[in-house]
């Protein structure tokens, strides 16, 4: 089976994610990125709970977001995540958020694999899933 390197998930913006003007708070975009990225990993058979039991963790080493247009309360959005580069210790993703087919934001993350001691390590082969 060939691994998925891209996934799109649909979300509805909730009231609690917005400021008093009904605009999505900038920090929530990173939550949307993580939801899509985690789902892509699960679709490829990945299991964060199993990794953590073995004492290895994916952590965000860098993240950015370019806000193109604001999202608002009750918007139905599509969050697309794509694996753009992998090494034995890191994975890079790109994200796009769309509302009604219009690009609203673009982001990037670099994830690193670390040990429970917090040291960067090579991703064990059994967890090198979907990238």
Protein backbone atom coordinates (compact mmCIF):
# COMPACT_ATOMS: atom_id res chain seq x y z
CA UNK A 1 0.00 0.00 0.00
CA UNK A 2 1.36 3.38 -0.99
CA UNK A 3 1.40 5.95 1.80
CA UNK A 4 -0.77 9.03 1.62
CA UNK A 5 1.27 12.23 1.52
CA UNK A 6 -1.71 14.60 1.44
CA UNK A 7 -5.03 14.81 3.25
CA UNK A 8 -7.88 17.30 3.42
CA UNK A 9 -10.27 17.49 6.33
CA UNK A 10 -13.37 19.62 6.68
CA UNK A 11 -13.99 21.60 9.86
CA UNK A 12 -16.53 24.13 11.07
CA UNK A 13 -15.20 27.15 12.95
CA UNK A 14 -16.56 27.11 16.49
CA UNK A 15 -17.59 30.15 18.49
CA UNK A 16 -14.91 29.53 21.14
CA UNK A 17 -12.20 29.86 18.47
CA UNK A 18 -13.13 33.46 17.71
CA UNK A 19 -12.57 36.90 19.18
CA UNK A 20 -15.53 39.16 20.12
CA UNK A 21 -15.84 40.26 16.47
CA UNK A 22 -16.35 36.66 15.31
CA UNK A 23 -12.90 36.43 13.68
CA UNK A 24 -10.82 33.30 14.28
CA UNK A 25 -7.96 33.99 16.69
CA UNK A 26 -4.58 33.62 14.98
CA UNK A 27 -3.48 30.82 17.35
CA UNK A 28 -6.34 28.55 16.25
CA UNK A 29 -4.85 28.09 12.77
CA UNK A 30 -2.07 26.03 14.34
CA UNK A 31 -4.68 23.78 15.96
CA UNK A 32 -6.31 23.27 12.55
CA UNK A 33 -2.89 22.34 11.12
CA UNK A 34 -2.32 19.81 13.88
CA UNK A 35 -5.73 18.22 13.47
CA UNK A 36 -5.12 17.64 9.74
CA UNK A 37 -1.53 16.44 10.25
CA UNK A 38 -2.52 14.00 13.00
CA UNK A 39 -5.34 12.63 10.85
CA UNK A 40 -2.94 12.09 7.92
CA UNK A 41 -0.61 10.15 10.22
CA UNK A 42 -3.51 8.01 11.50
CA UNK A 43 -4.73 7.31 7.95
CA UNK A 44 -1.26 5.92 7.24
CA UNK A 45 -1.41 3.61 10.24
CA UNK A 46 0.51 5.86 12.62
CA UNK A 47 -0.25 5.83 16.32
CA UNK A 48 1.08 8.59 18.56
CA UNK A 49 0.07 6.73 21.70
CA UNK A 50 2.27 3.76 20.70
CA UNK A 51 5.20 6.08 19.99
CA UNK A 52 4.85 7.73 23.37
CA UNK A 53 4.76 4.34 25.12
CA UNK A 54 8.14 3.64 23.53
CA UNK A 55 9.52 6.98 24.70
CA UNK A 56 9.70 8.80 21.36
CA UNK A 57 7.80 11.93 20.41
CA UNK A 58 7.21 14.18 17.41
CA UNK A 59 7.60 17.82 18.43
CA UNK A 60 7.13 21.00 16.44
CA UNK A 61 10.58 22.48 15.76
CA UNK A 62 9.26 25.37 13.66
CA UNK A 63 5.89 26.69 12.52
CA UNK A 64 4.67 29.62 10.46
CA UNK A 65 1.43 30.88 9.01
CA UNK A 66 0.61 33.46 6.36
CA UNK A 67 -2.89 34.83 6.97
CA UNK A 68 -4.42 35.80 3.64
CA UNK A 69 -8.05 36.45 4.61
CA UNK A 70 -9.77 36.07 7.98
CA UNK A 71 -11.88 33.10 8.96
CA UNK A 72 -15.12 33.71 10.84
CA UNK A 73 -17.44 31.94 13.21
CA UNK A 74 -19.40 29.11 11.57
CA UNK A 75 -17.27 29.06 8.39
CA UNK A 76 -16.96 25.62 6.86
CA UNK A 77 -13.27 25.21 6.01
CA UNK A 78 -11.06 22.65 4.32
CA UNK A 79 -7.61 22.13 5.79
CA UNK A 80 -5.14 20.41 3.47
CA UNK A 81 -1.85 19.02 4.79
CA UNK A 82 0.93 17.81 2.53
CA UNK A 83 4.26 16.19 3.40
CA UNK A 84 6.88 18.28 1.59
CA UNK A 85 10.18 16.85 2.85
CA UNK A 86 11.42 14.09 5.12
CA UNK A 87 14.72 13.12 6.64
CA UNK A 88 15.51 10.34 9.11
CA UNK A 89 14.84 12.73 12.03
CA UNK A 90 12.47 15.42 10.69
CA UNK A 91 9.31 15.85 8.64
CA UNK A 92 8.16 19.04 6.93
CA UNK A 93 4.52 19.80 6.09
CA UNK A 94 2.69 22.50 4.20
CA UNK A 95 -0.90 23.48 5.04
CA UNK A 96 -3.55 25.33 3.12
CA UNK A 97 -6.86 26.47 4.53
CA UNK A 98 -9.72 27.07 2.10
CA UNK A 99 -13.21 28.50 2.53
CA UNK A 100 -15.53 27.87 -0.42
CA UNK A 101 -12.48 27.05 -2.56
CA UNK A 102 -10.71 30.32 -1.73
CA UNK A 103 -7.27 30.17 -0.15
CA UNK A 104 -7.41 31.78 3.30
CA UNK A 105 -4.06 30.82 4.89
CA UNK A 106 -0.85 28.90 4.21
CA UNK A 107 1.41 27.40 6.86
CA UNK A 108 4.42 25.17 7.38
CA UNK A 109 5.78 23.00 10.16
CA UNK A 110 8.95 21.07 10.77
CA UNK A 111 8.55 18.17 13.18
CA UNK A 112 11.51 16.54 14.88
CA UNK A 113 11.63 13.17 16.59
CA UNK A 114 12.93 13.33 20.16
CA UNK A 115 13.59 10.86 22.95
CA UNK A 116 11.92 11.13 26.35
CA UNK A 117 15.12 12.90 27.44
CA UNK A 118 14.44 15.61 24.83
CA UNK A 119 17.28 14.72 22.46
CA UNK A 120 16.73 14.70 18.69
CA UNK A 121 16.88 11.10 17.44
CA UNK A 122 16.38 9.22 14.19
CA UNK A 123 12.77 8.20 13.58
CA UNK A 124 12.50 4.47 14.33
CA UNK A 125 11.59 2.59 11.14
CA UNK A 126 8.29 1.31 12.57
CA UNK A 127 7.14 4.91 13.13
CA UNK A 128 8.38 6.16 9.74
CA UNK A 129 4.84 5.83 8.39
CA UNK A 130 3.26 7.89 5.67
CA UNK A 131 6.27 9.89 4.62
